[in-house]
């Protein structure tokens, strides 16, 4: 494990981050769509309103008020419901509390002095956001690779065979010395922030960044998938794994392997036309959904006269096909059609960890699909944020400084 994980704290990652503004569960879905467009990881934390406005609250109370994280896929799935398709204006005015999937474990309130390695452990086990209090006492960054943090000594403790570094009582009292004005301000850190920090520490992580994701065991083989011929509506946020929030749309090859055609995910739906995507999710197959409505209007909703004009006439007379075409025509008036994105973010099994991290950050994606080295269409697995965090932290632990080395460092510092 690189020393950077032991001697950095989450407060180092809050420098330059804006203050988090709570998004209430009583806000409308229309407001949530705007907020998600400006968010990270395609979702926003949702909170219950305070019972007493203006009163200070502790971290435990704030943690209890957290409801869950609302994603773009949650909203599209909501718009795919029949009652929403019938009355889209009413759907837009629906309260977020009726749409968000409650999960209080996705966010954790932590002290700015929490070690980075502890924060990474939390995120490896399902936490997606860290809420860090702001403080006037906070200096910004710690001294890299040093046992001195923020001008204070870190206390060294040895318990049997387990070694650990804990923060001095002076550091733990940061929040106690904070003014009431600053005590109620927080910064929200996402897993994307963690990956950006790690990208800046590639030298300290060597040789891991240049190792292949397959050799590091970073490929998640238990990915979610759906056959292209099945209804896209079968994809539900409640049935997805925590990480990543995505489903691969696949076709079976003759030898039983998965050929990836696209994906249905919060990342791909991040800044789409939500209402149009909801209609497509409710009416199209998974394969048609990822190709996009606009590309398939003629082939999906209208008979092909060049093939069999008799069949076309029978369908029109009986109403088969014409009703669906009419619904699409009514829906598309004054709106831009939802257009699926067939270009899926992929990498090879031999791709390096640094390359995959750069891909994810460049495309603001929460995951990258992994294909075979020999055939880029055959799906092997997926790499998400949690998989990367596991890969970079499961290496042999670096030696914690001994008491002798601490004394030696102290004498060097004083000189």
Protein backbone atom coordinates (compact mmCIF):
# COMPACT_ATOMS: atom_id res chain seq x y z
CA UNK A 1 0.00 0.00 0.00
CA UNK A 2 1.42 3.37 -0.97
CA UNK A 3 2.38 5.75 1.83
CA UNK A 4 0.11 8.35 0.26
CA UNK A 5 -2.88 6.48 1.70
CA UNK A 6 -1.49 6.59 5.23
CA UNK A 7 -0.36 10.20 5.42
CA UNK A 8 -3.20 11.94 3.58
CA UNK A 9 -6.62 12.73 4.99
CA UNK A 10 -9.96 13.44 3.36
CA UNK A 11 -9.58 17.13 4.18
CA UNK A 12 -6.81 17.26 1.56
CA UNK A 13 -9.39 16.49 -1.12
CA UNK A 14 -11.79 19.24 -0.10
CA UNK A 15 -9.50 22.09 -1.17
CA UNK A 16 -11.26 24.11 -3.87
CA UNK A 17 -14.48 22.10 -3.60
CA UNK A 18 -17.68 24.16 -3.37
CA UNK A 19 -19.97 23.98 -0.39
CA UNK A 20 -22.69 21.37 -0.72
CA UNK A 21 -26.25 22.63 -0.95
CA UNK A 22 -28.81 20.13 0.31
CA UNK A 23 -31.42 18.92 -2.16
CA UNK A 24 -34.66 18.26 -0.32
CA UNK A 25 -36.95 15.29 -0.92
CA UNK A 26 -39.83 17.76 -1.23
CA UNK A 27 -38.33 19.27 -4.40
CA UNK A 28 -39.85 18.33 -7.76
CA UNK A 29 -38.46 15.91 -10.33
CA UNK A 30 -38.11 18.85 -12.71
CA UNK A 31 -35.73 20.54 -10.27
CA UNK A 32 -33.86 17.28 -9.77
CA UNK A 33 -33.18 16.96 -13.50
CA UNK A 34 -31.45 20.34 -13.50
CA UNK A 35 -29.44 19.45 -10.40
CA UNK A 36 -28.33 16.08 -11.79
CA UNK A 37 -27.00 17.80 -14.91
CA UNK A 38 -24.51 19.65 -12.70
CA UNK A 39 -23.69 16.69 -10.44
CA UNK A 40 -20.95 14.07 -10.36
CA UNK A 41 -21.57 10.37 -10.94
CA UNK A 42 -24.95 11.18 -12.52
CA UNK A 43 -26.75 11.56 -9.20
CA UNK A 44 -27.52 13.86 -6.29
CA UNK A 45 -27.85 13.19 -2.53
CA UNK A 46 -31.40 13.70 -1.28
CA UNK A 47 -32.18 14.90 2.24
CA UNK A 48 -35.13 15.18 4.59
CA UNK A 49 -35.84 18.70 5.77
CA UNK A 50 -34.67 19.73 9.22
CA UNK A 51 -37.28 19.55 11.93
CA UNK A 52 -36.00 22.83 13.42
CA UNK A 53 -34.69 25.30 10.86
CA UNK A 54 -31.81 27.46 12.10
CA UNK A 55 -30.73 25.11 14.89
CA UNK A 56 -27.33 23.43 14.84
CA UNK A 57 -27.23 19.67 14.37
CA UNK A 58 -24.58 17.05 14.99
CA UNK A 59 -23.16 14.62 12.47
CA UNK A 60 -25.38 11.78 13.66
CA UNK A 61 -28.54 13.79 13.12
CA UNK A 62 -27.40 14.88 9.68
CA UNK A 63 -26.61 11.28 8.76
CA UNK A 64 -30.12 10.23 9.78
CA UNK A 65 -31.65 12.90 7.53
CA UNK A 66 -29.93 11.50 4.44
CA UNK A 67 -32.41 9.57 2.28
CA UNK A 68 -30.48 8.26 -0.73
CA UNK A 69 -28.93 9.20 -4.07
CA UNK A 70 -31.22 10.04 -6.98
CA UNK A 71 -29.77 9.12 -10.39
CA UNK A 72 -30.74 9.81 -13.97
CA UNK A 73 -31.73 6.14 -14.38
CA UNK A 74 -34.15 6.48 -11.45
CA UNK A 75 -35.91 9.37 -13.17
CA UNK A 76 -36.06 7.69 -16.59
CA UNK A 77 -37.50 4.55 -15.00
CA UNK A 78 -40.09 6.71 -13.24
CA UNK A 79 -41.07 8.42 -16.50
CA UNK A 80 -41.51 4.98 -18.11
CA UNK A 81 -44.51 4.25 -15.88
CA UNK A 82 -47.89 4.35 -17.61
CA UNK A 83 -49.30 7.11 -15.39
CA UNK A 84 -46.29 9.31 -16.15
CA UNK A 85 -46.58 8.74 -19.89
CA UNK A 86 -50.23 9.76 -19.74
CA UNK A 87 -49.60 12.96 -17.78
CA UNK A 88 -46.02 14.17 -18.25
CA UNK A 89 -46.64 17.58 -16.65
CA UNK A 90 -47.84 15.92 -13.46
CA UNK A 91 -44.83 13.60 -13.53
CA UNK A 92 -42.49 16.59 -13.72
CA UNK A 93 -44.13 18.11 -10.63
CA UNK A 94 -43.88 14.90 -8.59
CA UNK A 95 -41.89 15.13 -5.37
CA UNK A 96 -38.46 13.51 -5.37
CA UNK A 97 -39.43 11.45 -2.31
CA UNK A 98 -41.69 9.37 -4.60
CA UNK A 99 -38.83 8.59 -6.99
CA UNK A 100 -35.58 8.20 -5.03
CA UNK A 101 -34.61 4.71 -3.87
CA UNK A 102 -33.97 5.01 -0.08
CA UNK A 103 -30.50 3.86 0.96
CA UNK A 104 -28.98 5.63 3.96
CA UNK A 105 -25.73 3.67 3.66
CA UNK A 106 -24.62 5.43 0.43
CA UNK A 107 -23.35 8.51 2.30
CA UNK A 108 -21.17 8.86 5.38
CA UNK A 109 -20.42 11.98 7.43
CA UNK A 110 -16.70 11.96 8.31
CA UNK A 111 -14.24 14.29 10.04
CA UNK A 112 -11.75 16.16 7.80
CA UNK A 113 -8.94 14.44 9.73
CA UNK A 114 -10.09 10.96 8.64
CA UNK A 115 -7.22 9.11 6.96
CA UNK A 116 -7.53 8.55 3.23
CA UNK A 117 -7.05 4.80 3.66
CA UNK A 118 -10.08 4.68 5.98
CA UNK A 119 -12.15 6.70 3.51
CA UNK A 120 -11.18 4.32 0.70
CA UNK A 121 -12.26 1.36 2.82
CA UNK A 122 -15.67 2.95 3.28
CA UNK A 123 -16.08 3.47 -0.46
CA UNK A 124 -14.91 -0.06 -1.20
CA UNK A 125 -17.81 -1.32 0.88
CA UNK A 126 -20.58 0.70 -0.77
CA UNK A 127 -20.30 4.33 0.39
CA UNK A 128 -20.62 6.65 -2.63
CA UNK A 129 -20.36 10.06 -0.95
CA UNK A 130 -18.38 11.44 1.98
CA UNK A 131 -19.74 14.52 3.72
CA UNK A 132 -16.86 16.51 5.22
CA UNK A 133 -17.44 19.50 7.56
CA UNK A 134 -15.69 22.73 6.63
CA UNK A 135 -13.60 24.52 9.28
CA UNK A 136 -11.78 27.82 9.63
CA UNK A 137 -8.99 25.95 11.38
CA UNK A 138 -8.49 23.73 8.33
CA UNK A 139 -5.21 24.57 6.57
CA UNK A 140 -5.91 22.78 3.31
CA UNK A 141 -3.29 20.09 2.73
CA UNK A 142 -1.18 17.94 4.99
CA UNK A 143 2.56 17.55 4.71
CA UNK A 144 3.03 14.67 2.30
CA UNK A 145 4.81 11.54 3.59
CA UNK A 146 5.18 13.02 7.05
CA UNK A 147 3.93 12.08 10.48
CA UNK A 148 3.29 15.77 11.14
CA UNK A 149 -0.16 16.84 9.99
CA UNK A 150 -1.50 20.39 10.08
CA UNK A 151 1.26 21.40 12.48
CA UNK A 152 0.27 18.64 14.94
CA UNK A 153 1.92 15.32 15.78
CA UNK A 154 0.24 12.07 14.84
CA UNK A 155 0.30 9.67 17.76
CA UNK A 156 1.81 6.25 17.14
CA UNK A 157 0.11 3.27 18.78
CA UNK A 158 1.06 -0.38 18.76
CA UNK A 159 -1.57 -2.91 19.79
CA UNK A 160 -0.10 -6.39 19.65
CA UNK A 161 0.59 -7.20 15.99
CA UNK A 162 -1.56 -4.42 14.62
CA UNK A 163 -0.03 -1.01 13.97
CA UNK A 164 -1.98 2.13 13.39
CA UNK A 165 -1.67 5.88 13.24
CA UNK A 166 -4.32 7.96 14.90
CA UNK A 167 -4.84 11.66 14.99
CA UNK A 168 -3.75 13.59 18.06
CA UNK A 169 -6.49 14.90 20.34
CA UNK A 170 -5.67 18.40 19.17
CA UNK A 171 -6.60 17.41 15.63
CA UNK A 172 -9.71 15.54 16.71
CA UNK A 173 -10.94 18.74 18.31
CA UNK A 174 -10.96 20.60 14.98
CA UNK A 175 -14.73 20.65 14.85
CA UNK A 176 -14.92 21.82 18.46
CA UNK A 177 -12.88 24.93 17.66
CA UNK A 178 -14.96 25.75 14.60
CA UNK A 179 -17.19 28.78 14.63
CA UNK A 180 -20.98 28.22 14.46
CA UNK A 181 -21.00 29.81 11.00
CA UNK A 182 -18.55 27.28 9.55
CA UNK A 183 -19.83 24.35 11.58
CA UNK A 184 -22.92 24.07 9.40
CA UNK A 185 -21.06 24.03 6.06
CA UNK A 186 -20.06 20.80 4.35
CA UNK A 187 -18.19 19.57 1.30
CA UNK A 188 -19.39 16.43 -0.50
CA UNK A 189 -16.71 14.11 -1.92
CA UNK A 190 -17.57 11.46 -4.51
CA UNK A 191 -15.68 8.41 -5.72
CA UNK A 192 -14.77 10.42 -8.80
CA UNK A 193 -12.91 12.84 -6.52
CA UNK A 194 -10.97 9.89 -5.11
CA UNK A 195 -9.97 8.68 -8.57
CA UNK A 196 -8.87 12.19 -9.57
CA UNK A 197 -6.69 12.32 -6.47
CA UNK A 198 -5.16 8.93 -7.30
CA UNK A 199 -4.41 10.06 -10.86
CA UNK A 200 -2.31 12.83 -9.35
CA UNK A 201 -0.36 10.30 -7.27
CA UNK A 202 0.57 7.79 -9.97
CA UNK A 203 4.25 8.05 -9.07
CA UNK A 204 3.57 7.12 -5.47
CA UNK A 205 1.45 4.17 -6.62
CA UNK A 206 4.08 2.71 -8.97
CA UNK A 207 4.19 0.09 -10.37
CA UNK A 208 0.41 -0.46 -10.02
CA UNK A 209 -0.74 2.14 -12.60
CA UNK A 210 1.10 0.39 -15.43
CA UNK A 211 -0.11 -3.08 -14.48
CA UNK A 212 -2.97 -4.57 -16.47
CA UNK A 213 -6.44 -4.64 -14.92
CA UNK A 214 -6.55 -8.42 -15.39
CA UNK A 215 -3.31 -8.97 -13.44
CA UNK A 216 -4.61 -6.75 -10.63
CA UNK A 217 -7.92 -8.59 -10.45
CA UNK A 218 -9.82 -5.36 -11.09
CA UNK A 219 -12.26 -6.88 -13.61
CA UNK A 220 -15.71 -7.54 -12.15
CA UNK A 221 -17.05 -10.68 -13.80
CA UNK A 222 -20.46 -10.43 -12.11
CA UNK A 223 -21.89 -7.71 -14.32
CA UNK A 224 -25.57 -7.08 -15.09
CA UNK A 225 -26.74 -7.81 -18.64
CA UNK A 226 -29.94 -8.05 -20.66
CA UNK A 227 -30.64 -9.69 -24.00
CA UNK A 228 -31.19 -7.17 -26.79
CA UNK A 229 -34.53 -8.79 -27.71
CA UNK A 230 -36.04 -8.36 -24.23
CA UNK A 231 -38.09 -5.29 -23.24
CA UNK A 232 -35.90 -2.45 -22.03
CA UNK A 233 -38.39 -1.90 -19.20
CA UNK A 234 -36.97 -4.97 -17.46
CA UNK A 235 -34.02 -2.81 -16.45
CA UNK A 236 -34.95 -1.40 -13.04
CA UNK A 237 -32.69 0.57 -10.67
CA UNK A 238 -34.01 -1.48 -7.74
CA UNK A 239 -32.63 -4.67 -9.28
CA UNK A 240 -29.18 -3.32 -10.15
CA UNK A 241 -26.04 -3.80 -8.12
CA UNK A 242 -24.63 -0.86 -6.21
CA UNK A 243 -21.61 -0.54 -8.46
CA UNK A 244 -21.77 0.11 -11.28
CA UNK A 245 -25.34 1.27 -11.88
CA UNK A 246 -25.40 -0.13 -15.41
CA UNK A 247 -26.69 -3.01 -17.54
CA UNK A 248 -24.94 -4.29 -20.65
CA UNK A 249 -27.21 -4.93 -23.65
CA UNK A 250 -25.89 -8.09 -25.28
CA UNK A 251 -26.47 -10.70 -27.96
CA UNK A 252 -25.47 -14.34 -27.53
CA UNK A 253 -22.80 -15.61 -29.89
CA UNK A 254 -22.96 -19.20 -31.27
CA UNK A 255 -20.38 -20.29 -28.68
CA UNK A 256 -22.41 -18.86 -25.79
CA UNK A 257 -20.47 -15.63 -25.20
CA UNK A 258 -21.89 -12.14 -24.80
CA UNK A 259 -21.50 -9.66 -27.64
CA UNK A 260 -21.98 -6.16 -26.25
CA UNK A 261 -24.23 -3.81 -28.25
CA UNK A 262 -24.57 -0.98 -25.76
CA UNK A 263 -25.65 -0.24 -22.23
CA UNK A 264 -28.50 1.17 -20.18
CA UNK A 265 -26.98 3.14 -17.33
CA UNK A 266 -27.12 6.33 -15.32
CA UNK A 267 -23.97 7.50 -17.12
CA UNK A 268 -25.52 7.24 -20.57
CA UNK A 269 -28.77 8.86 -19.45
CA UNK A 270 -27.04 11.64 -17.52
CA UNK A 271 -28.00 14.61 -19.73
CA UNK A 272 -30.55 13.10 -22.09
CA UNK A 273 -34.16 14.07 -22.79
CA UNK A 274 -35.63 12.30 -19.77
CA UNK A 275 -39.23 12.20 -20.96
CA UNK A 276 -38.28 10.82 -24.36
CA UNK A 277 -35.96 8.26 -22.75
CA UNK A 278 -38.80 7.22 -20.44
CA UNK A 279 -41.09 6.63 -23.43
CA UNK A 280 -38.37 4.62 -25.18
CA UNK A 281 -37.72 2.53 -22.06
CA UNK A 282 -41.41 1.67 -21.83
CA UNK A 283 -42.00 0.85 -25.50
CA UNK A 284 -38.80 -0.52 -27.01
CA UNK A 285 -36.64 -3.56 -26.64
CA UNK A 286 -33.23 -3.18 -24.98
CA UNK A 287 -31.48 -3.38 -28.36
CA UNK A 288 -33.74 -0.75 -29.89
CA UNK A 289 -33.32 1.47 -26.83
CA UNK A 290 -29.54 1.67 -27.09
CA UNK A 291 -29.72 2.37 -30.83
CA UNK A 292 -32.10 5.26 -30.29
CA UNK A 293 -35.68 6.06 -31.25
CA UNK A 294 -34.82 8.60 -33.91
CA UNK A 295 -32.68 6.11 -35.83
CA UNK A 296 -35.46 3.51 -35.85
CA UNK A 297 -38.72 5.41 -36.31
CA UNK A 298 -39.38 4.12 -39.82
CA UNK A 299 -38.34 0.53 -39.18
CA UNK A 300 -39.95 0.16 -35.75
CA UNK A 301 -43.25 1.98 -36.01
CA UNK A 302 -44.26 1.89 -39.66
CA UNK A 303 -44.74 -1.15 -41.93
CA UNK A 304 -42.14 -1.75 -44.60
CA UNK A 305 -44.07 -1.37 -47.90
CA UNK A 306 -41.18 -2.68 -49.92
CA UNK A 307 -41.49 -6.07 -48.22
CA UNK A 308 -45.21 -6.83 -48.16
CA UNK A 309 -47.85 -4.22 -48.91
CA UNK A 310 -50.67 -6.66 -48.07
CA UNK A 311 -49.40 -7.09 -44.53
CA UNK A 312 -49.18 -3.32 -44.20
CA UNK A 313 -52.80 -2.81 -45.29
CA UNK A 314 -54.02 -5.50 -42.88
CA UNK A 315 -52.10 -3.95 -39.99
CA UNK A 316 -53.47 -0.48 -40.67
CA UNK A 317 -57.06 -1.76 -40.95
CA UNK A 318 -56.79 -3.77 -37.72
CA UNK A 319 -55.04 -0.94 -35.94
CA UNK A 320 -51.87 -2.93 -35.27
CA UNK A 321 -48.86 -0.65 -35.52
CA UNK A 322 -50.87 2.47 -36.38
CA UNK A 323 -51.78 3.15 -32.75
CA UNK A 324 -48.15 2.99 -31.66
CA UNK A 325 -47.11 5.20 -34.56
CA UNK A 326 -49.77 7.73 -33.59
CA UNK A 327 -48.53 7.81 -29.99
CA UNK A 328 -44.99 8.48 -31.18
CA UNK A 329 -46.23 11.21 -33.53
CA UNK A 330 -48.15 12.91 -30.73
CA UNK A 331 -45.23 12.56 -28.35
CA UNK A 332 -42.62 13.95 -30.71
CA UNK A 333 -44.47 17.15 -31.57
CA UNK A 334 -42.45 20.05 -30.20
CA UNK A 335 -39.85 17.73 -28.64
CA UNK A 336 -36.48 16.40 -29.67
CA UNK A 337 -36.53 12.62 -29.82
CA UNK A 338 -34.46 10.57 -27.42
CA UNK A 339 -31.39 9.34 -29.22
CA UNK A 340 -29.57 6.34 -27.83
CA UNK A 341 -25.79 6.20 -27.72
CA UNK A 342 -24.44 3.06 -29.31
CA UNK A 343 -20.80 4.00 -28.63
CA UNK A 344 -20.05 2.17 -25.39
CA UNK A 345 -16.93 2.93 -23.34
CA UNK A 346 -14.77 -0.21 -23.46
CA UNK A 347 -11.23 -1.35 -22.78
CA UNK A 348 -9.26 -4.57 -23.18
CA UNK A 349 -8.24 -7.05 -20.50
CA UNK A 350 -4.62 -6.04 -21.03
CA UNK A 351 -5.35 -2.32 -20.58
CA UNK A 352 -3.40 -0.69 -17.77
CA UNK A 353 -5.05 0.57 -14.62
CA UNK A 354 -3.90 4.13 -15.34
CA UNK A 355 -5.45 4.03 -18.82
CA UNK A 356 -8.81 2.84 -17.47
CA UNK A 357 -8.81 5.51 -14.76
CA UNK A 358 -8.06 8.17 -17.38
CA UNK A 359 -10.90 6.84 -19.57
CA UNK A 360 -13.40 7.08 -16.76
CA UNK A 361 -12.39 10.61 -15.78
CA UNK A 362 -12.21 11.87 -19.37
CA UNK A 363 -15.73 10.65 -20.16
CA UNK A 364 -17.14 11.33 -16.66
CA UNK A 365 -18.18 7.67 -16.56
CA UNK A 366 -18.68 5.47 -13.50
CA UNK A 367 -17.43 2.33 -15.25
CA UNK A 368 -15.73 0.85 -18.32
CA UNK A 369 -16.79 -2.41 -19.99
CA UNK A 370 -13.98 -4.92 -20.53
CA UNK A 371 -13.72 -6.98 -23.72
CA UNK A 372 -11.42 -9.77 -24.86
CA UNK A 373 -7.99 -8.81 -26.10
CA UNK A 374 -8.57 -10.70 -29.37
CA UNK A 375 -12.19 -9.69 -29.96
CA UNK A 376 -13.40 -6.25 -28.91
CA UNK A 377 -17.07 -7.27 -29.24
CA UNK A 378 -16.97 -10.13 -26.72
CA UNK A 379 -17.73 -8.90 -23.20
CA UNK A 380 -15.59 -10.14 -20.33
CA UNK A 381 -16.61 -7.94 -17.41
CA UNK A 382 -16.71 -4.38 -16.13
CA UNK A 383 -14.45 -2.09 -14.09
CA UNK A 384 -16.13 0.37 -11.74
CA UNK A 385 -14.95 2.80 -9.09
CA UNK A 386 -15.08 0.21 -6.33
CA UNK A 387 -13.02 -2.26 -8.39
CA UNK A 388 -10.28 0.35 -8.84
CA UNK A 389 -10.24 1.24 -5.15
CA UNK A 390 -9.93 -2.43 -4.23
CA UNK A 391 -7.08 -2.91 -6.70
CA UNK A 392 -4.98 -0.02 -5.41
CA UNK A 393 -5.46 -0.81 -1.72
CA UNK A 394 -5.13 -4.59 -1.56
CA UNK A 395 -1.37 -4.57 -2.19
CA UNK A 396 1.08 -5.35 0.66
CA UNK A 397 0.81 -2.75 3.41
CA UNK A 398 3.74 -0.36 3.72
CA UNK A 399 5.61 -0.41 7.00
CA UNK A 400 4.31 2.03 9.59
CA UNK A 401 7.10 4.21 11.00
CA UNK A 402 8.53 2.80 14.22
CA UNK A 403 9.06 4.80 17.38
CA UNK A 404 12.75 5.07 16.52
CA UNK A 405 12.03 6.44 13.05
CA UNK A 406 9.57 8.94 14.53
CA UNK A 407 12.21 10.20 16.94
CA UNK A 408 14.72 10.43 14.11
CA UNK A 409 12.26 12.37 11.96
CA UNK A 410 11.52 14.70 14.85
CA UNK A 411 15.19 15.56 15.26
CA UNK A 412 15.48 16.21 11.52
CA UNK A 413 12.42 18.44 11.60
CA UNK A 414 13.74 20.48 14.51
CA UNK A 415 17.14 20.90 12.85
